Amino acid sequence: QSKNIHDTMGNDATPLPANTDILALGTR
């Protein structure tokens, strides 16, 4: 940034639905 190089931030992680069973998802 001090050299006036502007990098792209990019997308953040898409939030999972509130009712996601993370253990079941991870197991799959």
mmCIF file of all heavy atoms, coordinates in Angstrom:
data_MODEL
# 
_entry.id   MODEL 
# 
loop_
_atom_site.group_PDB 
_atom_site.id 
_atom_site.type_symbol 
_atom_site.label_atom_id 
_atom_site.label_alt_id 
_atom_site.label_comp_id 
_atom_site.label_asym_id 
_atom_site.label_entity_id 
_atom_site.label_seq_id 
_atom_site.pdbx_PDB_ins_code 
_atom_site.Cartn_x 
_atom_site.Cartn_y 
_atom_site.Cartn_z 
_atom_site.occupancy 
_atom_site.B_iso_or_equiv 
_atom_site.pdbx_formal_charge 
_atom_site.auth_seq_id 
_atom_site.auth_comp_id 
_atom_site.auth_asym_id 
_atom_site.auth_atom_id 
_atom_site.pdbx_PDB_model_num 
ATOM 1   N N   . GLN A 1 1  ? 0.829   -1.208  0.000  1.00 0.00 ? 1  GLN A N   1 
ATOM 2   C CA  . GLN A 1 1  ? 0.000   0.000   0.000  1.00 0.00 ? 1  GLN A CA  1 
ATOM 3   C C   . GLN A 1 1  ? 0.862   1.257   0.000  1.00 0.00 ? 1  GLN A C   1 
ATOM 4   O O   . GLN A 1 1  ? 0.518   2.258   -0.633 1.00 0.00 ? 1  GLN A O   1 
ATOM 5   C CB  . GLN A 1 1  ? -0.927  -0.020  1.219  1.00 0.00 ? 1  GLN A CB  1 
ATOM 6   C CG  . GLN A 1 1  ? -2.048  -1.040  1.111  1.00 0.00 ? 1  GLN A CG  1 
ATOM 7   C CD  . GLN A 1 1  ? -2.770  -1.281  2.426  1.00 0.00 ? 1  GLN A CD  1 
ATOM 8   O OE1 . GLN A 1 1  ? -2.496  -0.615  3.426  1.00 0.00 ? 1  GLN A OE1 1 
ATOM 9   N NE2 . GLN A 1 1  ? -3.674  -2.253  2.433  1.00 0.00 ? 1  GLN A NE2 1 
ATOM 10  N N   . SER A 1 2  ? 2.015   1.191   0.706  1.00 0.00 ? 2  SER A N   1 
ATOM 11  C CA  . SER A 1 2  ? 2.913   2.339   0.723  1.00 0.00 ? 2  SER A CA  1 
ATOM 12  C C   . SER A 1 2  ? 3.521   2.599   -0.654 1.00 0.00 ? 2  SER A C   1 
ATOM 13  O O   . SER A 1 2  ? 3.978   3.706   -0.945 1.00 0.00 ? 2  SER A O   1 
ATOM 14  C CB  . SER A 1 2  ? 4.033   2.127   1.750  1.00 0.00 ? 2  SER A CB  1 
ATOM 15  O OG  . SER A 1 2  ? 4.930   1.110   1.330  1.00 0.00 ? 2  SER A OG  1 
ATOM 16  N N   . LYS A 1 3  ? 3.520   1.553   -1.495 1.00 0.00 ? 3  LYS A N   1 
ATOM 17  C CA  . LYS A 1 3  ? 4.015   1.677   -2.868 1.00 0.00 ? 3  LYS A CA  1 
ATOM 18  C C   . LYS A 1 3  ? 2.873   1.927   -3.851 1.00 0.00 ? 3  LYS A C   1 
ATOM 19  O O   . LYS A 1 3  ? 3.061   1.824   -5.063 1.00 0.00 ? 3  LYS A O   1 
ATOM 20  C CB  . LYS A 1 3  ? 4.767   0.408   -3.264 1.00 0.00 ? 3  LYS A CB  1 
ATOM 21  C CG  . LYS A 1 3  ? 6.001   0.123   -2.424 1.00 0.00 ? 3  LYS A CG  1 
ATOM 22  C CD  . LYS A 1 3  ? 6.617   -1.214  -2.791 1.00 0.00 ? 3  LYS A CD  1 
ATOM 23  C CE  . LYS A 1 3  ? 7.812   -1.540  -1.908 1.00 0.00 ? 3  LYS A CE  1 
ATOM 24  N NZ  . LYS A 1 3  ? 8.378   -2.893  -2.211 1.00 0.00 ? 3  LYS A NZ  1 
ATOM 25  N N   . ASN A 1 4  ? 1.681   2.219   -3.296 1.00 0.00 ? 4  ASN A N   1 
ATOM 26  C CA  . ASN A 1 4  ? 0.488   2.499   -4.099 1.00 0.00 ? 4  ASN A CA  1 
ATOM 27  C C   . ASN A 1 4  ? 0.029   1.272   -4.906 1.00 0.00 ? 4  ASN A C   1 
ATOM 28  O O   . ASN A 1 4  ? -0.513  1.410   -6.001 1.00 0.00 ? 4  ASN A O   1 
ATOM 29  C CB  . ASN A 1 4  ? 0.725   3.686   -5.041 1.00 0.00 ? 4  ASN A CB  1 
ATOM 30  C CG  . ASN A 1 4  ? -0.571  4.389   -5.404 1.00 0.00 ? 4  ASN A CG  1 
ATOM 31  O OD1 . ASN A 1 4  ? -1.516  4.407   -4.613 1.00 0.00 ? 4  ASN A OD1 1 
ATOM 32  N ND2 . ASN A 1 4  ? -0.625  4.954   -6.594 1.00 0.00 ? 4  ASN A ND2 1 
ATOM 33  N N   . ILE A 1 5  ? 0.274   0.078   -4.344 1.00 0.00 ? 5  ILE A N   1 
ATOM 34  C CA  . ILE A 1 5  ? -0.232  -1.163  -4.941 1.00 0.00 ? 5  ILE A CA  1 
ATOM 35  C C   . ILE A 1 5  ? -1.520  -1.517  -4.222 1.00 0.00 ? 5  ILE A C   1 
ATOM 36  O O   . ILE A 1 5  ? -1.533  -1.706  -2.998 1.00 0.00 ? 5  ILE A O   1 
ATOM 37  C CB  . ILE A 1 5  ? 0.786   -2.315  -4.805 1.00 0.00 ? 5  ILE A CB  1 
ATOM 38  C CG1 . ILE A 1 5  ? 2.097   -1.952  -5.495 1.00 0.00 ? 5  ILE A CG1 1 
ATOM 39  C CG2 . ILE A 1 5  ? 0.220   -3.608  -5.385 1.00 0.00 ? 5  ILE A CG2 1 
ATOM 40  C CD1 . ILE A 1 5  ? 3.214   -2.959  -5.268 1.00 0.00 ? 5  ILE A CD1 1 
ATOM 41  N N   . HIS A 1 6  ? -2.601  -1.601  -4.960 1.00 0.00 ? 6  HIS A N   1 
ATOM 42  C CA  . HIS A 1 6  ? -3.912  -1.857  -4.373 1.00 0.00 ? 6  HIS A CA  1 
ATOM 43  C C   . HIS A 1 6  ? -4.371  -3.265  -4.751 1.00 0.00 ? 6  HIS A C   1 
ATOM 44  O O   . HIS A 1 6  ? -4.722  -3.534  -5.901 1.00 0.00 ? 6  HIS A O   1 
ATOM 45  C CB  . HIS A 1 6  ? -4.922  -0.810  -4.844 1.00 0.00 ? 6  HIS A CB  1 
ATOM 46  C CG  . HIS A 1 6  ? -4.511  0.597   -4.511 1.00 0.00 ? 6  HIS A CG  1 
ATOM 47  N ND1 . HIS A 1 6  ? -4.540  1.093   -3.230 1.00 0.00 ? 6  HIS A ND1 1 
ATOM 48  C CD2 . HIS A 1 6  ? -4.017  1.597   -5.303 1.00 0.00 ? 6  HIS A CD2 1 
ATOM 49  C CE1 . HIS A 1 6  ? -4.114  2.340   -3.224 1.00 0.00 ? 6  HIS A CE1 1 
ATOM 50  N NE2 . HIS A 1 6  ? -3.785  2.674   -4.471 1.00 0.00 ? 6  HIS A NE2 1 
ATOM 51  N N   . ASP A 1 7  ? -4.353  -4.157  -3.788 1.00 0.00 ? 7  ASP A N   1 
ATOM 52  C CA  . ASP A 1 7  ? -4.737  -5.548  -4.026 1.00 0.00 ? 7  ASP A CA  1 
ATOM 53  C C   . ASP A 1 7  ? -6.226  -5.750  -3.809 1.00 0.00 ? 7  ASP A C   1 
ATOM 54  O O   . ASP A 1 7  ? -6.875  -5.037  -3.036 1.00 0.00 ? 7  ASP A O   1 
ATOM 55  C CB  . ASP A 1 7  ? -3.947  -6.470  -3.090 1.00 0.00 ? 7  ASP A CB  1 
ATOM 56  C CG  . ASP A 1 7  ? -2.449  -6.396  -3.341 1.00 0.00 ? 7  ASP A CG  1 
ATOM 57  O OD1 . ASP A 1 7  ? -2.026  -6.789  -4.443 1.00 0.00 ? 7  ASP A OD1 1 
ATOM 58  O OD2 . ASP A 1 7  ? -1.705  -5.935  -2.453 1.00 0.00 ? 7  ASP A OD2 1 
ATOM 59  N N   . THR A 1 8  ? -6.764  -6.759  -4.485 1.00 0.00 ? 8  THR A N   1 
ATOM 60  C CA  . THR A 1 8  ? -8.187  -7.067  -4.393 1.00 0.00 ? 8  THR A CA  1 
ATOM 61  C C   . THR A 1 8  ? -8.486  -7.801  -3.090 1.00 0.00 ? 8  THR A C   1 
ATOM 62  O O   . THR A 1 8  ? -7.818  -8.785  -2.765 1.00 0.00 ? 8  THR A O   1 
ATOM 63  C CB  . THR A 1 8  ? -8.628  -7.942  -5.579 1.00 0.00 ? 8  THR A CB  1 
ATOM 64  O OG1 . THR A 1 8  ? -8.323  -7.256  -6.804 1.00 0.00 ? 8  THR A OG1 1 
ATOM 65  C CG2 . THR A 1 8  ? -10.116 -8.247  -5.523 1.00 0.00 ? 8  THR A CG2 1 
ATOM 66  N N   . MET A 1 9  ? -9.484  -7.320  -2.345 1.00 0.00 ? 9  MET A N   1 
ATOM 67  C CA  . MET A 1 9  ? -9.842  -7.973  -1.089 1.00 0.00 ? 9  MET A CA  1 
ATOM 68  C C   . MET A 1 9  ? -10.422 -9.359  -1.339 1.00 0.00 ? 9  MET A C   1 
ATOM 69  O O   . MET A 1 9  ? -10.066 -10.323 -0.669 1.00 0.00 ? 9  MET A O   1 
ATOM 70  C CB  . MET A 1 9  ? -10.855 -7.111  -0.324 1.00 0.00 ? 9  MET A CB  1 
ATOM 71  C CG  . MET A 1 9  ? -11.284 -7.718  1.013  1.00 0.00 ? 9  MET A CG  1 
ATOM 72  S SD  . MET A 1 9  ? -9.900  -7.937  2.177  1.00 0.00 ? 9  MET A SD  1 
ATOM 73  C CE  . MET A 1 9  ? -9.512  -6.231  2.540  1.00 0.00 ? 9  MET A CE  1 
ATOM 74  N N   . GLY A 1 10 ? -11.313 -9.476  -2.312 1.00 0.00 ? 10 GLY A N   1 
ATOM 75  C CA  . GLY A 1 10 ? -11.925 -10.771 -2.622 1.00 0.00 ? 10 GLY A CA  1 
ATOM 76  C C   . GLY A 1 10 ? -13.099 -11.080 -1.718 1.00 0.00 ? 10 GLY A C   1 
ATOM 77  O O   . GLY A 1 10 ? -13.395 -10.363 -0.759 1.00 0.00 ? 10 GLY A O   1 
ATOM 78  N N   . ASN A 1 11 ? -13.783 -12.180 -2.026 1.00 0.00 ? 11 ASN A N   1 
ATOM 79  C CA  . ASN A 1 11 ? -14.975 -12.561 -1.276 1.00 0.00 ? 11 ASN A CA  1 
ATOM 80  C C   . ASN A 1 11 ? -14.621 -13.125 0.091  1.00 0.00 ? 11 ASN A C   1 
ATOM 81  O O   . ASN A 1 11 ? -13.580 -13.752 0.273  1.00 0.00 ? 11 ASN A O   1 
ATOM 82  C CB  . ASN A 1 11 ? -15.770 -13.611 -2.052 1.00 0.00 ? 11 ASN A CB  1 
ATOM 83  C CG  . ASN A 1 11 ? -16.308 -13.080 -3.359 1.00 0.00 ? 11 ASN A CG  1 
ATOM 84  O OD1 . ASN A 1 11 ? -16.635 -11.889 -3.469 1.00 0.00 ? 11 ASN A OD1 1 
ATOM 85  N ND2 . ASN A 1 11 ? -16.403 -13.927 -4.365 1.00 0.00 ? 11 ASN A ND2 1 
ATOM 86  N N   . ASP A 1 12 ? -15.523 -12.897 1.048  1.00 0.00 ? 12 ASP A N   1 
ATOM 87  C CA  . ASP A 1 12 ? -15.414 -13.552 2.342  1.00 0.00 ? 12 ASP A CA  1 
ATOM 88  C C   . ASP A 1 12 ? -16.195 -14.865 2.276  1.00 0.00 ? 12 ASP A C   1 
ATOM 89  O O   . ASP A 1 12 ? -16.872 -15.144 1.282  1.00 0.00 ? 12 ASP A O   1 
ATOM 90  C CB  . ASP A 1 12 ? -15.972 -12.642 3.442  1.00 0.00 ? 12 ASP A CB  1 
ATOM 91  C CG  . ASP A 1 12 ? -15.377 -12.945 4.809  1.00 0.00 ? 12 ASP A CG  1 
ATOM 92  O OD1 . ASP A 1 12 ? -14.773 -14.030 4.950  1.00 0.00 ? 12 ASP A OD1 1 
ATOM 93  O OD2 . ASP A 1 12 ? -15.507 -12.115 5.708  1.00 0.00 ? 12 ASP A OD2 1 
ATOM 94  N N   . ALA A 1 13 ? -16.106 -15.665 3.319  1.00 0.00 ? 13 ALA A N   1 
ATOM 95  C CA  . ALA A 1 13 ? -16.802 -16.953 3.331  1.00 0.00 ? 13 ALA A CA  1 
ATOM 96  C C   . ALA A 1 13 ? -18.310 -16.742 3.394  1.00 0.00 ? 13 ALA A C   1 
ATOM 97  O O   . ALA A 1 13 ? -18.799 -15.872 4.124  1.00 0.00 ? 13 ALA A O   1 
ATOM 98  C CB  . ALA A 1 13 ? -16.338 -17.792 4.518  1.00 0.00 ? 13 ALA A CB  1 
ATOM 99  N N   . THR A 1 14 ? -19.043 -17.527 2.620  1.00 0.00 ? 14 THR A N   1 
ATOM 100 C CA  . THR A 1 14 ? -20.500 -17.477 2.646  1.00 0.00 ? 14 THR A CA  1 
ATOM 101 C C   . THR A 1 14 ? -21.001 -18.096 3.951  1.00 0.00 ? 14 THR A C   1 
ATOM 102 O O   . THR A 1 14 ? -20.626 -19.231 4.269  1.00 0.00 ? 14 THR A O   1 
ATOM 103 C CB  . THR A 1 14 ? -21.096 -18.251 1.461  1.00 0.00 ? 14 THR A CB  1 
ATOM 104 O OG1 . THR A 1 14 ? -20.569 -17.714 0.238  1.00 0.00 ? 14 THR A OG1 1 
ATOM 105 C CG2 . THR A 1 14 ? -22.609 -18.166 1.457  1.00 0.00 ? 14 THR A CG2 1 
ATOM 106 N N   . PRO A 1 15 ? -21.819 -17.384 4.724  1.00 0.00 ? 15 PRO A N   1 
ATOM 107 C CA  . PRO A 1 15 ? -22.318 -17.950 5.989  1.00 0.00 ? 15 PRO A CA  1 
ATOM 108 C C   . PRO A 1 15 ? -23.152 -19.207 5.743  1.00 0.00 ? 15 PRO A C   1 
ATOM 109 O O   . PRO A 1 15 ? -23.913 -19.292 4.770  1.00 0.00 ? 15 PRO A O   1 
ATOM 110 C CB  . PRO A 1 15 ? -23.179 -16.828 6.571  1.00 0.00 ? 15 PRO A CB  1 
ATOM 111 C CG  . PRO A 1 15 ? -22.707 -15.586 5.892  1.00 0.00 ? 15 PRO A CG  1 
ATOM 112 C CD  . PRO A 1 15 ? -22.293 -16.005 4.513  1.00 0.00 ? 15 PRO A CD  1 
ATOM 113 N N   . LEU A 1 16 ? -23.009 -20.192 6.620  1.00 0.00 ? 16 LEU A N   1 
ATOM 114 C CA  . LEU A 1 16 ? -23.811 -21.400 6.542  1.00 0.00 ? 16 LEU A CA  1 
ATOM 115 C C   . LEU A 1 16 ? -25.195 -21.133 7.123  1.00 0.00 ? 16 LEU A C   1 
ATOM 116 O O   . LEU A 1 16 ? -25.349 -20.270 7.993  1.00 0.00 ? 16 LEU A O   1 
ATOM 117 C CB  . LEU A 1 16 ? -23.149 -22.539 7.313  1.00 0.00 ? 16 LEU A CB  1 
ATOM 118 C CG  . LEU A 1 16 ? -21.826 -23.077 6.761  1.00 0.00 ? 16 LEU A CG  1 
ATOM 119 C CD1 . LEU A 1 16 ? -21.227 -24.092 7.729  1.00 0.00 ? 16 LEU A CD1 1 
ATOM 120 C CD2 . LEU A 1 16 ? -22.004 -23.695 5.393  1.00 0.00 ? 16 LEU A CD2 1 
ATOM 121 N N   . PRO A 1 17 ? -26.200 -21.866 6.675  1.00 0.00 ? 17 PRO A N   1 
ATOM 122 C CA  . PRO A 1 17 ? -27.531 -21.731 7.292  1.00 0.00 ? 17 PRO A CA  1 
ATOM 123 C C   . PRO A 1 17 ? -27.455 -21.985 8.795  1.00 0.00 ? 17 PRO A C   1 
ATOM 124 O O   . PRO A 1 17 ? -26.651 -22.803 9.258  1.00 0.00 ? 17 PRO A O   1 
ATOM 125 C CB  . PRO A 1 17 ? -28.350 -22.817 6.582  1.00 0.00 ? 17 PRO A CB  1 
ATOM 126 C CG  . PRO A 1 17 ? -27.657 -23.017 5.267  1.00 0.00 ? 17 PRO A CG  1 
ATOM 127 C CD  . PRO A 1 17 ? -26.199 -22.807 5.543  1.00 0.00 ? 17 PRO A CD  1 
ATOM 128 N N   . ALA A 1 18 ? -28.296 -21.294 9.556  1.00 0.00 ? 18 ALA A N   1 
ATOM 129 C CA  . ALA A 1 18 ? -28.250 -21.368 11.018 1.00 0.00 ? 18 ALA A CA  1 
ATOM 130 C C   . ALA A 1 18 ? -28.475 -22.779 11.542 1.00 0.00 ? 18 ALA A C   1 
ATOM 131 O O   . ALA A 1 18 ? -27.965 -23.140 12.603 1.00 0.00 ? 18 ALA A O   1 
ATOM 132 C CB  . ALA A 1 18 ? -29.274 -20.408 11.611 1.00 0.00 ? 18 ALA A CB  1 
ATOM 133 N N   . ASN A 1 19 ? -29.226 -23.579 10.815 1.00 0.00 ? 19 ASN A N   1 
ATOM 134 C CA  . ASN A 1 19 ? -29.557 -24.926 11.293 1.00 0.00 ? 19 ASN A CA  1 
ATOM 135 C C   . ASN A 1 19 ? -28.612 -25.996 10.751 1.00 0.00 ? 19 ASN A C   1 
ATOM 136 O O   . ASN A 1 19 ? -28.917 -27.195 10.794 1.00 0.00 ? 19 ASN A O   1 
ATOM 137 C CB  . ASN A 1 19 ? -30.996 -25.284 10.916 1.00 0.00 ? 19 ASN A CB  1 
ATOM 138 C CG  . ASN A 1 19 ? -31.219 -25.283 9.403  1.00 0.00 ? 19 ASN A CG  1 
ATOM 139 O OD1 . ASN A 1 19 ? -30.373 -24.781 8.651  1.00 0.00 ? 19 ASN A OD1 1 
ATOM 140 N ND2 . ASN A 1 19 ? -32.345 -25.827 8.952  1.00 0.00 ? 19 ASN A ND2 1 
ATOM 141 N N   . THR A 1 20 ? -27.431 -25.609 10.225 1.00 0.00 ? 20 THR A N   1 
ATOM 142 C CA  . THR A 1 20 ? -26.486 -26.577 9.668  1.00 0.00 ? 20 THR A CA  1 
ATOM 143 C C   . THR A 1 20 ? -25.961 -27.515 10.750 1.00 0.00 ? 20 THR A C   1 
ATOM 144 O O   . THR A 1 20 ? -25.495 -27.070 11.801 1.00 0.00 ? 20 THR A O   1 
ATOM 145 C CB  . THR A 1 20 ? -25.289 -25.860 9.014  1.00 0.00 ? 20 THR A CB  1 
ATOM 146 O OG1 . THR A 1 20 ? -25.763 -25.030 7.952  1.00 0.00 ? 20 THR A OG1 1 
ATOM 147 C CG2 . THR A 1 20 ? -24.285 -26.869 8.456  1.00 0.00 ? 20 THR A CG2 1 
ATOM 148 N N   . ASP A 1 21 ? -26.049 -28.813 10.481 1.00 0.00 ? 21 ASP A N   1 
ATOM 149 C CA  . ASP A 1 21 ? -25.440 -29.827 11.360 1.00 0.00 ? 21 ASP A CA  1 
ATOM 150 C C   . ASP A 1 21 ? -23.998 -29.979 10.909 1.00 0.00 ? 21 ASP A C   1 
ATOM 151 O O   . ASP A 1 21 ? -23.699 -30.697 9.969  1.00 0.00 ? 21 ASP A O   1 
ATOM 152 C CB  . ASP A 1 21 ? -26.200 -31.156 11.230 1.00 0.00 ? 21 ASP A CB  1 
ATOM 153 C CG  . ASP A 1 21 ? -25.692 -32.229 12.187 1.00 0.00 ? 21 ASP A CG  1 
ATOM 154 O OD1 . ASP A 1 21 ? -24.523 -32.131 12.628 1.00 0.00 ? 21 ASP A OD1 1 
ATOM 155 O OD2 . ASP A 1 21 ? -26.440 -33.177 12.480 1.00 0.00 ? 21 ASP A OD2 1 
ATOM 156 N N   . ILE A 1 22 ? -23.080 -29.273 11.580 1.00 0.00 ? 22 ILE A N   1 
ATOM 157 C CA  . ILE A 1 22 ? -21.700 -29.199 11.117 1.00 0.00 ? 22 ILE A CA  1 
ATOM 158 C C   . ILE A 1 22 ? -20.997 -30.547 11.214 1.00 0.00 ? 22 ILE A C   1 
ATOM 159 O O   . ILE A 1 22 ? -20.125 -30.853 10.392 1.00 0.00 ? 22 ILE A O   1 
ATOM 160 C CB  . ILE A 1 22 ? -20.925 -28.099 11.886 1.00 0.00 ? 22 ILE A CB  1 
ATOM 161 C CG1 . ILE A 1 22 ? -19.699 -27.645 11.085 1.00 0.00 ? 22 ILE A CG1 1 
ATOM 162 C CG2 . ILE A 1 22 ? -20.568 -28.545 13.277 1.00 0.00 ? 22 ILE A CG2 1 
ATOM 163 C CD1 . ILE A 1 22 ? -20.020 -26.946 9.796  1.00 0.00 ? 22 ILE A CD1 1 
ATOM 164 N N   . LEU A 1 23 ? -21.363 -31.368 12.181 1.00 0.00 ? 23 LEU A N   1 
ATOM 165 C CA  . LEU A 1 23 ? -20.767 -32.703 12.286 1.00 0.00 ? 23 LEU A CA  1 
ATOM 166 C C   . LEU A 1 23 ? -21.196 -33.567 11.115 1.00 0.00 ? 23 LEU A C   1 
ATOM 167 O O   . LEU A 1 23 ? -20.371 -34.260 10.505 1.00 0.00 ? 23 LEU A O   1 
ATOM 168 C CB  . LEU A 1 23 ? -21.159 -33.361 13.612 1.00 0.00 ? 23 LEU A CB  1 
ATOM 169 C CG  . LEU A 1 23 ? -20.666 -34.804 13.803 1.00 0.00 ? 23 LEU A CG  1 
ATOM 170 C CD1 . LEU A 1 23 ? -19.148 -34.883 13.735 1.00 0.00 ? 23 LEU A CD1 1 
ATOM 171 C CD2 . LEU A 1 23 ? -21.177 -35.360 15.131 1.00 0.00 ? 23 LEU A CD2 1 
ATOM 172 N N   . ALA A 1 24 ? -22.467 -33.534 10.778 1.00 0.00 ? 24 ALA A N   1 
ATOM 173 C CA  . ALA A 1 24 ? -22.965 -34.317 9.645  1.00 0.00 ? 24 ALA A CA  1 
ATOM 174 C C   . ALA A 1 24 ? -22.345 -33.823 8.337  1.00 0.00 ? 24 ALA A C   1 
ATOM 175 O O   . ALA A 1 24 ? -21.954 -34.622 7.481  1.00 0.00 ? 24 ALA A O   1 
ATOM 176 C CB  . ALA A 1 24 ? -24.487 -34.242 9.580  1.00 0.00 ? 24 ALA A CB  1 
ATOM 177 N N   . LEU A 1 25 ? -22.243 -32.493 8.193  1.00 0.00 ? 25 LEU A N   1 
ATOM 178 C CA  . LEU A 1 25 ? -21.636 -31.930 6.986  1.00 0.00 ? 25 LEU A CA  1 
ATOM 179 C C   . LEU A 1 25 ? -20.180 -32.361 6.870  1.00 0.00 ? 25 LEU A C   1 
ATOM 180 O O   . LEU A 1 25 ? -19.732 -32.815 5.818  1.00 0.00 ? 25 LEU A O   1 
ATOM 181 C CB  . LEU A 1 25 ? -21.728 -30.399 7.031  1.00 0.00 ? 25 LEU A CB  1 
ATOM 182 C CG  . LEU A 1 25 ? -20.978 -29.644 5.923  1.00 0.00 ? 25 LEU A CG  1 
ATOM 183 C CD1 . LEU A 1 25 ? -21.546 -29.993 4.560  1.00 0.00 ? 25 LEU A CD1 1 
ATOM 184 C CD2 . LEU A 1 25 ? -21.042 -28.139 6.161  1.00 0.00 ? 25 LEU A CD2 1 
ATOM 185 N N   . GLY A 1 26 ? -19.435 -32.205 7.955  1.00 0.00 ? 26 GLY A N   1 
ATOM 186 C CA  . GLY A 1 26 ? -18.026 -32.576 7.937  1.00 0.00 ? 26 GLY A CA  1 
ATOM 187 C C   . GLY A 1 26 ? -17.808 -34.052 7.692  1.00 0.00 ? 26 GLY A C   1 
ATOM 188 O O   . GLY A 1 26 ? -16.852 -34.436 7.004  1.00 0.00 ? 26 GLY A O   1 
ATOM 189 N N   . THR A 1 27 ? -18.676 -34.878 8.232  1.00 0.00 ? 27 THR A N   1 
ATOM 190 C CA  . THR A 1 27 ? -18.560 -36.325 8.011  1.00 0.00 ? 27 THR A CA  1 
ATOM 191 C C   . THR A 1 27 ? -18.759 -36.662 6.544  1.00 0.00 ? 27 THR A C   1 
ATOM 192 O O   . THR A 1 27 ? -18.028 -37.487 5.979  1.00 0.00 ? 27 THR A O   1 
ATOM 193 C CB  . THR A 1 27 ? -19.595 -37.082 8.866  1.00 0.00 ? 27 THR A CB  1 
ATOM 194 O OG1 . THR A 1 27 ? -19.365 -36.780 10.250 1.00 0.00 ? 27 THR A OG1 1 
ATOM 195 C CG2 . THR A 1 27 ? -19.484 -38.587 8.654  1.00 0.00 ? 27 THR A CG2 1 
ATOM 196 N N   . ARG A 1 28 ? -19.723 -35.999 5.895  1.00 0.00 ? 28 ARG A N   1 
ATOM 197 C CA  . ARG A 1 28 ? -19.957 -36.224 4.469  1.00 0.00 ? 28 ARG A CA  1 
ATOM 198 C C   . ARG A 1 28 ? -18.758 -35.784 3.638  1.00 0.00 ? 28 ARG A C   1 
ATOM 199 O O   . ARG A 1 28 ? -18.323 -36.495 2.724  1.00 0.00 ? 28 ARG A O   1 
ATOM 200 C CB  . ARG A 1 28 ? -21.219 -35.486 4.000  1.00 0.00 ? 28 ARG A CB  1 
ATOM 201 C CG  . ARG A 1 28 ? -22.521 -36.077 4.484  1.00 0.00 ? 28 ARG A CG  1 
ATOM 202 C CD  . ARG A 1 28 ? -23.702 -35.526 3.701  1.00 0.00 ? 28 ARG A CD  1 
ATOM 203 N NE  . ARG A 1 28 ? -23.833 -34.075 3.818  1.00 0.00 ? 28 ARG A NE  1 
ATOM 204 C CZ  . ARG A 1 28 ? -24.514 -33.469 4.791  1.00 0.00 ? 28 ARG A CZ  1 
ATOM 205 N NH1 . ARG A 1 28 ? -25.112 -34.169 5.735  1.00 0.00 ? 28 ARG A NH1 1 
ATOM 206 N NH2 . ARG A 1 28 ? -24.616 -32.149 4.808  1.00 0.00 ? 28 ARG A NH2 1 
# 
